[in-house]
Amino acid sequence: MRLLLDTHALIWWLTDDPALPEAARNAIASPDNDVYVSHVTAWEIAVKRQLGKIEFPLEAFEDILDANQFEPLPIRLEHILALGNLPMHHRDPFDRLLVAQATDGKLTLVSGDRRMDTYEVLLLWSR
């Protein structure tokens, strides 16, 4: 399986937060799965860190991905253009871009955000 982590899924994985369900944890840990982290996640973390909402060693982002054997997923023009075709079920631009990337790459989005259920995207987890 090819997984794309939502921002909260990445943070909960890194902090071993029990809010991350066992099924998601097992899928992320499985050597049979490829795990991707979007550049939009780094962007969202940077914004939230600047607003004082989270603490995160953003300077070590690439090292963190490497240490966890996660693949970075760049934001491409086709991802941005695909936003225009998505229904407005969700107003969060970071999450909408993750949906566009998951759809384009046929990736399974790992997210507990119930609003993700409203999109035609492969989804692992949802509350």
C-alpha atoms as a PDB file:
ATOM      1  CA  MET A   1       0.000   0.000   0.000  1.00  0.00           C
ATOM      2  CA  ARG A   2       1.118   3.563  -0.661  1.00  0.00           C
ATOM      3  CA  LEU A   3       0.215   5.896   2.180  1.00  0.00           C
ATOM      4  CA  LEU A   4       0.073   9.680   2.412  1.00  0.00           C
ATOM      5  CA  LEU A   5       0.100  10.981   5.980  1.00  0.00           C
ATOM      6  CA  ASP A   6      -2.130  13.854   7.004  1.00  0.00           C
ATOM      7  CA  THR A   7      -0.268  16.340   9.207  1.00  0.00           C
ATOM      8  CA  HIS A   8      -1.836  15.154  12.442  1.00  0.00           C
ATOM      9  CA  ALA A   9      -1.064  11.530  11.538  1.00  0.00           C
ATOM     10  CA  LEU A  10       2.613  12.415  11.072  1.00  0.00           C
ATOM     11  CA  ILE A  11       2.818  14.310  14.357  1.00  0.00           C
ATOM     12  CA  TRP A  12       0.985  11.587  16.268  1.00  0.00           C
ATOM     13  CA  TRP A  13       3.290   8.958  14.740  1.00  0.00           C
ATOM     14  CA  LEU A  14       6.388  10.927  15.727  1.00  0.00           C
ATOM     15  CA  THR A  15       5.149  11.557  19.275  1.00  0.00           C
ATOM     16  CA  ASP A  16       3.750   8.039  19.741  1.00  0.00           C
ATOM     17  CA  ASP A  17       0.398   9.609  20.546  1.00  0.00           C
ATOM     18  CA  PRO A  18      -2.281   7.030  21.434  1.00  0.00           C
ATOM     19  CA  ALA A  19      -4.760   9.065  19.352  1.00  0.00           C
ATOM     20  CA  LEU A  20      -3.239   7.372  16.290  1.00  0.00           C
ATOM     21  CA  PRO A  21      -5.281   4.162  15.859  1.00  0.00           C
ATOM     22  CA  GLU A  22      -3.536   0.828  15.863  1.00  0.00           C
ATOM     23  CA  ALA A  23      -4.555   0.091  12.261  1.00  0.00           C
ATOM     24  CA  ALA A  24      -2.932   3.314  11.078  1.00  0.00           C
ATOM     25  CA  ARG A  25       0.131   2.718  13.275  1.00  0.00           C
ATOM     26  CA  ASN A  26       0.559  -0.807  11.889  1.00  0.00           C
ATOM     27  CA  ALA A  27       0.166   0.359   8.289  1.00  0.00           C
ATOM     28  CA  ILE A  28       2.768   3.110   8.759  1.00  0.00           C
ATOM     29  CA  ALA A  29       5.180   0.698  10.442  1.00  0.00           C
ATOM     30  CA  SER A  30       4.796  -2.056   7.845  1.00  0.00           C
ATOM     31  CA  PRO A  31       7.863  -2.467   5.627  1.00  0.00           C
ATOM     32  CA  ASP A  32       5.470  -3.562   2.855  1.00  0.00           C
ATOM     33  CA  ASN A  33       4.037  -0.043   2.620  1.00  0.00           C
ATOM     34  CA  ASP A  34       5.510   3.108   1.119  1.00  0.00           C
ATOM     35  CA  VAL A  35       4.839   6.141   3.299  1.00  0.00           C
ATOM     36  CA  TYR A  36       4.787   9.657   1.842  1.00  0.00           C
ATOM     37  CA  VAL A  37       4.746  13.023   3.584  1.00  0.00           C
ATOM     38  CA  SER A  38       3.731  15.983   1.480  1.00  0.00           C
ATOM     39  CA  HIS A  39       5.605  19.253   1.332  1.00  0.00           C
ATOM     40  CA  VAL A  40       2.234  20.780   2.226  1.00  0.00           C
ATOM     41  CA  THR A  41       2.639  19.150   5.643  1.00  0.00           C
ATOM     42  CA  ALA A  42       5.911  21.018   6.208  1.00  0.00           C
ATOM     43  CA  TRP A  43       4.138  24.201   5.112  1.00  0.00           C
ATOM     44  CA  GLU A  44       1.218  23.608   7.504  1.00  0.00           C
ATOM     45  CA  ILE A  45       3.573  22.834  10.395  1.00  0.00           C
ATOM     46  CA  ALA A  46       5.572  26.002   9.651  1.00  0.00           C
ATOM     47  CA  VAL A  47       2.411  28.118   9.732  1.00  0.00           C
ATOM     48  CA  LYS A  48       1.096  26.521  12.928  1.00  0.00           C
ATOM     49  CA  ARG A  49       4.488  26.797  14.598  1.00  0.00           C
ATOM     50  CA  GLN A  50       4.717  30.480  13.730  1.00  0.00           C
ATOM     51  CA  LEU A  51       1.240  31.014  15.193  1.00  0.00           C
ATOM     52  CA  GLY A  52       2.375  29.285  18.389  1.00  0.00           C
ATOM     53  CA  LYS A  53      -0.074  26.389  17.982  1.00  0.00           C
ATOM     54  CA  ILE A  54       2.559  23.636  17.913  1.00  0.00           C
ATOM     55  CA  GLU A  55       6.196  23.030  18.630  1.00  0.00           C
ATOM     56  CA  PHE A  56       8.087  21.108  15.980  1.00  0.00           C
ATOM     57  CA  PRO A  57      11.758  20.979  14.978  1.00  0.00           C
ATOM     58  CA  LEU A  58      11.033  22.142  11.440  1.00  0.00           C
ATOM     59  CA  GLU A  59      14.739  22.571  10.687  1.00  0.00           C
ATOM     60  CA  ALA A  60      15.079  18.781  11.063  1.00  0.00           C
ATOM     61  CA  PHE A  61      12.098  17.944   8.828  1.00  0.00           C
ATOM     62  CA  GLU A  62      14.137  16.149   6.145  1.00  0.00           C
ATOM     63  CA  ASP A  63      16.149  14.260   8.752  1.00  0.00           C
ATOM     64  CA  ILE A  64      12.930  13.184  10.466  1.00  0.00           C
ATOM     65  CA  LEU A  65      11.551  11.868   7.175  1.00  0.00           C
ATOM     66  CA  ASP A  66      14.816  10.035   6.465  1.00  0.00           C
ATOM     67  CA  ALA A  67      14.967   8.511   9.954  1.00  0.00           C
ATOM     68  CA  ASN A  68      11.427   7.143   9.522  1.00  0.00           C
ATOM     69  CA  GLN A  69      11.997   6.080   5.917  1.00  0.00           C
ATOM     70  CA  PHE A  70       9.196   8.376   4.732  1.00  0.00           C
ATOM     71  CA  GLU A  71       9.315   9.733   1.203  1.00  0.00           C
ATOM     72  CA  PRO A  72       8.823  13.473   0.649  1.00  0.00           C
ATOM     73  CA  LEU A  73       6.044  14.283  -1.808  1.00  0.00           C
ATOM     74  CA  PRO A  74       6.578  17.567  -3.663  1.00  0.00           C
ATOM     75  CA  ILE A  75       3.678  19.833  -4.531  1.00  0.00           C
ATOM     76  CA  ARG A  76       3.322  19.828  -8.315  1.00  0.00           C
ATOM     77  CA  LEU A  77       1.351  22.158 -10.545  1.00  0.00           C
ATOM     78  CA  GLU A  78      -1.171  19.429 -11.381  1.00  0.00           C
ATOM     79  CA  HIS A  79      -1.932  19.073  -7.661  1.00  0.00           C
ATOM     80  CA  ILE A  80      -2.724  22.764  -7.396  1.00  0.00           C
ATOM     81  CA  LEU A  81      -4.800  22.727 -10.580  1.00  0.00           C
ATOM     82  CA  ALA A  82      -6.752  19.690  -9.308  1.00  0.00           C
ATOM     83  CA  LEU A  83      -8.010  21.818  -6.407  1.00  0.00           C
ATOM     84  CA  GLY A  84     -10.323  23.558  -8.868  1.00  0.00           C
ATOM     85  CA  ASN A  85     -12.086  20.247  -9.517  1.00  0.00           C
ATOM     86  CA  LEU A  86     -12.591  19.289  -5.882  1.00  0.00           C
ATOM     87  CA  PRO A  87     -15.963  19.968  -4.286  1.00  0.00           C
ATOM     88  CA  MET A  88     -15.802  22.438  -1.387  1.00  0.00           C
ATOM     89  CA  HIS A  89     -16.493  19.857   1.322  1.00  0.00           C
ATOM     90  CA  HIS A  90     -13.510  21.129   3.253  1.00  0.00           C
ATOM     91  CA  ARG A  91     -12.239  24.701   3.424  1.00  0.00           C
ATOM     92  CA  ASP A  92      -8.780  23.895   4.823  1.00  0.00           C
ATOM     93  CA  PRO A  93      -6.378  24.492   1.899  1.00  0.00           C
ATOM     94  CA  PHE A  94      -3.741  22.150   3.339  1.00  0.00           C
ATOM     95  CA  ASP A  95      -6.177  19.245   3.597  1.00  0.00           C
ATOM     96  CA  ARG A  96      -7.641  19.930   0.160  1.00  0.00           C
ATOM     97  CA  LEU A  97      -4.149  19.797  -1.329  1.00  0.00           C
ATOM     98  CA  LEU A  98      -3.507  16.486   0.432  1.00  0.00           C
ATOM     99  CA  VAL A  99      -6.721  15.123  -1.123  1.00  0.00           C
ATOM    100  CA  ALA A 100      -5.575  16.300  -4.555  1.00  0.00           C
ATOM    101  CA  GLN A 101      -2.166  14.667  -4.088  1.00  0.00           C
ATOM    102  CA  ALA A 102      -3.642  11.403  -2.797  1.00  0.00           C
ATOM    103  CA  THR A 103      -6.105  11.248  -5.671  1.00  0.00           C
ATOM    104  CA  ASP A 104      -3.479  12.046  -8.291  1.00  0.00           C
ATOM    105  CA  GLY A 105      -0.985   9.524  -6.944  1.00  0.00           C
ATOM    106  CA  LYS A 106      -3.545   6.847  -6.080  1.00  0.00           C
ATOM    107  CA  LEU A 107      -2.322   7.044  -2.500  1.00  0.00           C
ATOM    108  CA  THR A 108      -4.252   6.030   0.599  1.00  0.00           C
ATOM    109  CA  LEU A 109      -4.666   9.066   2.823  1.00  0.00           C
ATOM    110  CA  VAL A 110      -4.055   8.376   6.510  1.00  0.00           C
ATOM    111  CA  SER A 111      -6.319  10.822   8.300  1.00  0.00           C
ATOM    112  CA  GLY A 112      -8.758  10.967  11.176  1.00  0.00           C
ATOM    113  CA  ASP A 113     -10.497  14.011   9.732  1.00  0.00           C
ATOM    114  CA  ARG A 114     -14.124  13.028   9.078  1.00  0.00           C
ATOM    115  CA  ARG A 115     -14.441  15.647   6.361  1.00  0.00           C
ATOM    116  CA  MET A 116     -12.043  13.560   4.258  1.00  0.00           C
ATOM    117  CA  ASP A 117     -14.789  10.910   3.970  1.00  0.00           C
ATOM    118  CA  THR A 118     -16.723  13.284   1.730  1.00  0.00           C
ATOM    119  CA  TYR A 119     -14.094  13.063  -1.021  1.00  0.00           C
ATOM    120  CA  GLU A 120     -13.537  10.237  -3.450  1.00  0.00           C
ATOM    121  CA  VAL A 121     -10.148   9.392  -2.002  1.00  0.00           C
ATOM    122  CA  LEU A 122      -8.736   6.159  -0.623  1.00  0.00           C
ATOM    123  CA  LEU A 123      -8.778   6.599   3.136  1.00  0.00           C
ATOM    124  CA  LEU A 124      -7.305   4.710   6.044  1.00  0.00           C
ATOM    125  CA  TRP A 125      -8.839   5.632   9.373  1.00  0.00           C
ATOM    126  CA  SER A 126     -11.410   8.279  10.036  1.00  0.00           C
ATOM    127  CA  ARG A 127     -13.034   8.722  13.324  1.00  0.00           C
END
